[in-house]
Each structure stands twice: as C-alpha cells, then as structure tokens.
C-alpha cells in the first residue's frame, strides 16, 4: 500500500522496545513515512542508543523518517541554554539515566542520585555530544501528511476553535499541553499525539479495547499512542490509513477495521 504512515509513541530510552517494535513493522518503501512523536530521552536506560538508532534510520531507511520534538527534548534544550534545575533534579524525570547512557555508565537504580563528579555535567547538560545537540535543535514541532497531523502533546484552542499547528503562536505549547477538552472536543483531520499516558485519557471515548486502559487511545479524531514506554509500559505504533496497531509487548497486530468497532487481532 502506497502512502502508509507508521506513527510511533514516546520511547523514553527503551532501545529494546524500540527495536522489537521496528522488527514487527512490514518492510518499508520510499512511499512510506515513519513518524516518531517525541520523548526519546530520559527514564529508560538507553537514551543515547535510542537517539543513535533514530539518526541511523533517518540516514538509511528507504522510508521518510520524521522525528518530532517532545517536551523532554525541549526541556533538555532549556537546560543547555539557560539551565533548568527543576527539570533535571526530580528522579521521576529520569535525567540521570540519560546522562549515564551517553557516558557509557551503568543505568541508575531506583532512588540513585548523581555523585559529586556527575552533578555539574548533569545540571548543565554538558555530556551531550555536539552533533546530538544540533540534532535536537533541528527537531520539528509537528508533521502533517495526507493521513493525519502529528504533534507531541496536542493542539491549543482559541475562541472555541482548535488551531492548526502552523497557526499556533508559540509552538512549544504543543509539546506540553494536557487538556481533557482536546481529547473530548477536537474534530477534524485526525491528530496523533503522545505525551499523556493513555491510562490518563478518557477511556469512555476510546474505540479501541476500552477494557484495557493501558492500550492505544482511539477517539473520534484523536489517537493517543503514549503507552508508558520507559515507565513500566510498552511502545505502540499506529499505521495509517489502515489503522493497524503494533505493540512491543505483543506478537500480534491489531486492527480497528472491524465493523462493530471491536479490536481484531491479526497474526504477524
């Protein structure tokens, strides 16, 4: 099928889950697109390897590979440009794991704090190679094709209308937004987002396995694909326009195409 788009959710340093998911996808061609919705860094043990894999895909995949900016990439750029201790310090943000992955050190265990030798580099972000910093700065805020609009977190609203990404005055808003109103009220061209773990989205609006809140969220016009990778969950990819769903936790592909709306498992 020409013109397929495979949108991949938040990875958060989990190289194993990323590689497993990529192996599940069908062979890609020059007509296809592979869109990553951001948050490649932090929490998981292998942020450096994830970035290396994505950059390699951009150079070597036959498909068009788009890596969007997530709020964690935005946060690290703020750390580099002006400092942001409030982001770096809380262990739940997983920043120490990112630093150690780039330095080739063992990942921190639960409750680990930076030692004296690590603190300065961590709070300055000075461990990032210059080529990675340049890559982070070049990440776009959104992508659009014939199948959907792709953005990390969501679209803001103005005077009762949700803005197209090109019309958002401050695109950083699209990286951090968390409003139930967007998932409930947006109508129009499909929008695919990550950022908010699907368990926190309104399950009564999801058309995909609502009995499992950890699954992909499929609303009327919004798809949420952050299924908790890097925080005890798994990685999800959504294929458009077919609406097939790939999960790193599964050996099956799921479809939203069944007429009664129930998910259907397909043999990989």
Protein backbone atom coordinates (compact mmCIF):
# COMPACT_ATOMS: atom_id res chain seq x y z
CA UNK A 1 0.00 0.00 0.00
CA UNK A 2 1.45 3.37 -1.00
CA UNK A 3 1.44 6.30 1.34
CA UNK A 4 1.46 4.43 4.63
CA UNK A 5 2.41 6.29 7.80
CA UNK A 6 3.68 4.49 10.90
CA UNK A 7 3.45 6.76 13.96
CA UNK A 8 5.48 5.64 16.99
CA UNK A 9 4.82 6.74 20.57
CA UNK A 10 7.11 8.02 23.34
CA UNK A 11 10.21 5.81 23.63
CA UNK A 12 11.95 7.23 26.76
CA UNK A 13 15.28 5.47 26.49
CA UNK A 14 13.97 1.94 25.87
CA UNK A 15 16.07 0.71 22.97
CA UNK A 16 14.93 -2.90 23.37
CA UNK A 17 11.28 -1.98 22.99
CA UNK A 18 12.08 0.24 20.00
CA UNK A 19 14.00 -2.48 18.17
CA UNK A 20 11.30 -5.05 18.88
CA UNK A 21 8.61 -2.75 17.51
CA UNK A 22 10.61 -1.89 14.40
CA UNK A 23 11.05 -5.61 13.66
CA UNK A 24 7.27 -6.03 13.77
CA UNK A 25 6.61 -3.45 11.05
CA UNK A 26 6.24 -4.60 7.44
CA UNK A 27 9.05 -3.77 5.00
CA UNK A 28 9.07 -0.03 4.34
CA UNK A 29 9.34 1.63 0.95
CA UNK A 30 10.06 5.12 -0.34
CA UNK A 31 6.30 5.79 -0.37
CA UNK A 32 6.06 5.23 3.41
CA UNK A 33 6.67 7.52 6.37
CA UNK A 34 7.88 6.66 9.86
CA UNK A 35 6.91 9.39 12.32
CA UNK A 36 8.20 9.46 15.91
CA UNK A 37 6.16 11.79 18.13
CA UNK A 38 8.94 12.77 20.55
CA UNK A 39 10.27 11.96 24.03
CA UNK A 40 13.23 9.80 23.09
CA UNK A 41 15.19 10.71 26.23
CA UNK A 42 15.04 10.02 29.97
CA UNK A 43 13.79 7.28 32.31
CA UNK A 44 14.86 4.22 30.31
CA UNK A 45 18.49 3.04 30.42
CA UNK A 46 19.49 3.69 26.80
CA UNK A 47 18.65 7.21 25.64
CA UNK A 48 21.94 7.51 23.75
CA UNK A 49 21.26 4.30 21.87
CA UNK A 50 17.71 5.40 21.03
CA UNK A 51 19.00 8.66 19.55
CA UNK A 52 21.65 6.75 17.62
CA UNK A 53 19.02 4.39 16.23
CA UNK A 54 16.71 7.22 15.14
CA UNK A 55 19.52 9.13 13.46
CA UNK A 56 20.56 5.96 11.69
CA UNK A 57 17.02 5.39 10.46
CA UNK A 58 16.93 8.92 9.06
CA UNK A 59 20.06 8.18 7.06
CA UNK A 60 19.40 4.61 5.98
CA UNK A 61 15.68 3.82 5.88
CA UNK A 62 14.01 3.78 2.48
CA UNK A 63 11.03 5.48 4.12
CA UNK A 64 10.77 9.13 5.06
CA UNK A 65 11.70 9.28 8.77
CA UNK A 66 10.37 12.23 10.80
CA UNK A 67 11.45 12.74 14.42
CA UNK A 68 9.31 15.32 16.19
CA UNK A 69 10.31 17.32 19.23
CA UNK A 70 8.87 16.18 22.55
CA UNK A 71 8.69 18.02 25.85
CA UNK A 72 11.72 16.10 27.17
CA UNK A 73 13.81 17.20 24.20
CA UNK A 74 12.53 20.74 24.71
CA UNK A 75 13.41 20.55 28.40
CA UNK A 76 17.00 19.47 27.73
CA UNK A 77 17.44 22.32 25.26
CA UNK A 78 16.33 24.70 28.00
CA UNK A 79 18.85 23.08 30.33
CA UNK A 80 21.58 23.67 27.75
CA UNK A 81 20.57 27.25 27.01
CA UNK A 82 19.66 28.64 30.40
CA UNK A 83 19.63 25.88 32.99
CA UNK A 84 16.56 24.24 34.43
CA UNK A 85 17.39 22.54 37.72
CA UNK A 86 13.70 21.95 38.47
CA UNK A 87 13.52 19.60 35.49
CA UNK A 88 16.86 17.84 35.97
CA UNK A 89 16.67 17.14 39.70
CA UNK A 90 13.44 15.12 40.26
CA UNK A 91 14.31 11.42 39.90
CA UNK A 92 10.93 10.75 38.24
CA UNK A 93 12.08 12.70 35.17
CA UNK A 94 14.86 10.17 34.60
CA UNK A 95 17.57 12.64 33.62
CA UNK A 96 20.41 10.81 35.37
CA UNK A 97 19.69 7.74 33.24
CA UNK A 98 20.13 9.87 30.13
CA UNK A 99 23.48 11.23 31.29
CA UNK A 100 24.85 7.83 32.19
CA UNK A 101 23.77 6.33 28.88
CA UNK A 102 25.73 8.99 26.98
CA UNK A 103 28.75 8.46 29.22
CA UNK A 104 28.62 4.68 28.90
CA UNK A 105 27.95 4.16 32.60
CA UNK A 106 25.51 1.73 34.25
CA UNK A 107 21.93 2.96 34.47
CA UNK A 108 20.86 4.26 37.88
CA UNK A 109 18.80 2.06 40.13
CA UNK A 110 15.65 3.25 41.86
CA UNK A 111 16.48 6.15 44.18
CA UNK A 112 20.00 6.72 42.80
CA UNK A 113 21.27 10.31 42.94
CA UNK A 114 24.14 11.84 40.95
CA UNK A 115 27.51 11.66 42.64
CA UNK A 116 29.74 14.70 43.03
CA UNK A 117 31.55 14.05 39.76
CA UNK A 118 28.27 13.87 37.84
CA UNK A 119 26.27 16.76 39.27
CA UNK A 120 27.84 19.63 37.33
CA UNK A 121 27.60 17.91 33.97
CA UNK A 122 24.06 16.73 34.64
CA UNK A 123 22.70 20.18 35.53
CA UNK A 124 24.47 21.77 32.55
CA UNK A 125 23.69 19.01 30.03
CA UNK A 126 27.35 19.14 29.01
CA UNK A 127 27.53 15.37 28.39
CA UNK A 128 25.57 15.63 25.11
CA UNK A 129 27.80 15.35 22.02
CA UNK A 130 27.63 18.46 19.83
CA UNK A 131 26.10 16.53 16.94
CA UNK A 132 23.27 15.33 19.19
CA UNK A 133 22.60 18.87 20.39
CA UNK A 134 22.42 20.04 16.78
CA UNK A 135 20.00 17.19 16.02
CA UNK A 136 17.81 18.11 18.99
CA UNK A 137 17.67 21.74 17.89
CA UNK A 138 16.53 20.70 14.42
CA UNK A 139 13.56 18.61 15.57
CA UNK A 140 10.28 19.98 14.15
CA UNK A 141 7.23 20.75 16.27
CA UNK A 142 4.73 18.95 14.05
CA UNK A 143 4.31 16.96 10.86
CA UNK A 144 1.34 16.63 8.53
CA UNK A 145 0.60 14.28 5.65
CA UNK A 146 -2.49 13.06 3.83
CA UNK A 147 -3.30 10.70 6.71
CA UNK A 148 -3.08 12.89 9.81
CA UNK A 149 -1.45 15.69 11.79
CA UNK A 150 1.28 14.54 14.20
CA UNK A 151 2.30 16.53 17.27
CA UNK A 152 3.76 15.57 20.62
CA UNK A 153 1.08 16.65 23.08
CA UNK A 154 -1.93 18.31 21.46
CA UNK A 155 -3.43 21.42 19.90
CA UNK A 156 -4.41 24.58 21.80
CA UNK A 157 -7.80 26.20 21.48
CA UNK A 158 -8.61 29.82 20.65
CA UNK A 159 -12.10 31.30 20.73
CA UNK A 160 -13.65 27.84 20.70
CA UNK A 161 -11.59 26.55 17.76
CA UNK A 162 -8.59 24.24 17.88
CA UNK A 163 -5.68 25.77 16.00
CA UNK A 164 -3.82 24.08 13.20
CA UNK A 165 -0.16 23.66 14.25
CA UNK A 166 1.01 26.22 11.68
CA UNK A 167 -1.26 28.82 13.35
CA UNK A 168 -0.08 28.27 16.94
CA UNK A 169 1.81 31.44 18.02
CA UNK A 170 4.11 29.60 20.45
CA UNK A 171 4.69 26.05 19.17
CA UNK A 172 6.24 24.98 22.49
CA UNK A 173 2.66 24.83 23.82
CA UNK A 174 2.08 21.80 21.58
CA UNK A 175 4.81 19.92 23.47
CA UNK A 176 3.43 20.37 26.99
CA UNK A 177 -0.35 20.63 26.59
CA UNK A 178 -2.56 18.41 28.76
CA UNK A 179 -6.23 19.28 28.47
CA UNK A 180 -9.10 16.80 28.55
CA UNK A 181 -11.00 19.24 26.35
CA UNK A 182 -8.71 18.46 23.38
CA UNK A 183 -9.37 14.72 23.56
CA UNK A 184 -13.09 15.25 24.09
CA UNK A 185 -13.79 18.16 21.76
CA UNK A 186 -11.40 18.15 18.81
CA UNK A 187 -12.97 17.31 15.46
CA UNK A 188 -11.38 17.45 12.04
CA UNK A 189 -8.37 15.85 10.40
CA UNK A 190 -7.04 13.06 12.64
CA UNK A 191 -4.36 14.11 15.11
CA UNK A 192 -1.85 11.62 16.53
CA UNK A 193 -0.19 12.52 19.85
CA UNK A 194 1.93 11.07 22.62
CA UNK A 195 2.89 12.81 25.90
CA UNK A 196 -0.11 11.84 28.05
CA UNK A 197 -0.08 8.18 29.05
CA UNK A 198 -3.21 6.56 27.68
CA UNK A 199 -4.32 5.38 31.12
CA UNK A 200 -4.90 9.06 31.96
CA UNK A 201 -7.11 9.71 28.92
CA UNK A 202 -10.95 9.46 28.96
CA UNK A 203 -11.45 5.74 28.41
CA UNK A 204 -15.15 6.15 27.69
CA UNK A 205 -14.18 7.94 24.46
CA UNK A 206 -11.77 5.30 23.17
CA UNK A 207 -12.86 3.00 20.37
CA UNK A 208 -10.01 0.55 20.99
CA UNK A 209 -10.14 -2.07 23.79
CA UNK A 210 -11.58 0.27 26.45
CA UNK A 211 -11.34 -2.68 28.87
CA UNK A 212 -7.54 -2.19 28.80
CA UNK A 213 -6.74 1.44 29.71
CA UNK A 214 -3.03 0.90 29.02
CA UNK A 215 -3.77 0.44 25.30
CA UNK A 216 -3.70 2.97 22.49
CA UNK A 217 -6.43 5.62 22.79
CA UNK A 218 -8.63 5.95 19.71
CA UNK A 219 -11.08 8.83 19.98
CA UNK A 220 -13.26 10.21 17.24
CA UNK A 221 -10.46 12.36 15.79
CA UNK A 222 -7.53 11.97 18.21
CA UNK A 223 -5.21 9.00 18.63
CA UNK A 224 -3.07 8.82 21.79
CA UNK A 225 -0.08 6.49 21.46
CA UNK A 226 1.95 7.01 24.66
CA UNK A 227 1.52 3.62 26.30
CA UNK A 228 4.03 4.14 29.09
CA UNK A 229 7.28 3.02 27.50
CA UNK A 230 10.14 3.89 29.88
CA UNK A 231 7.81 3.81 32.86
CA UNK A 232 6.77 0.17 33.04
CA UNK A 233 4.67 0.18 29.89
CA UNK A 234 5.33 -0.67 26.26
CA UNK A 235 5.80 1.01 22.88
CA UNK A 236 3.00 1.42 20.34
CA UNK A 237 2.91 2.20 16.62
CA UNK A 238 -0.19 3.17 14.66
CA UNK A 239 -0.31 2.54 10.91
CA UNK A 240 -2.43 4.92 8.84
CA UNK A 241 -4.67 4.87 6.90
CA UNK A 242 -5.24 1.17 7.69
CA UNK A 243 -5.43 1.80 11.47
CA UNK A 244 -3.37 -1.26 12.30
CA UNK A 245 -1.77 -1.21 15.73
CA UNK A 246 1.62 -2.69 16.68
CA UNK A 247 2.72 -3.21 20.29
CA UNK A 248 6.17 -4.10 21.58
CA UNK A 249 4.54 -6.27 24.26
CA UNK A 250 2.70 -8.47 21.76
CA UNK A 251 3.35 -10.86 18.90
CA UNK A 252 0.17 -9.76 17.15
CA UNK A 253 -1.02 -6.80 15.11
CA UNK A 254 -4.39 -5.31 15.99
CA UNK A 255 -6.88 -3.60 13.71
CA UNK A 256 -9.63 -1.04 14.23
CA UNK A 257 -11.28 -2.08 10.99
CA UNK A 258 -13.89 -4.49 12.33
CA UNK A 259 -17.36 -3.06 11.57
CA UNK A 260 -18.66 -3.42 15.13
CA UNK A 261 -15.75 -1.33 16.42
CA UNK A 262 -14.08 -4.09 18.40
CA UNK A 263 -10.34 -4.65 18.02
CA UNK A 264 -9.37 -7.65 15.89
CA UNK A 265 -6.07 -9.49 16.32
CA UNK A 266 -4.16 -10.40 13.18
CA UNK A 267 -1.38 -12.95 13.02
CA UNK A 268 2.04 -11.34 12.40
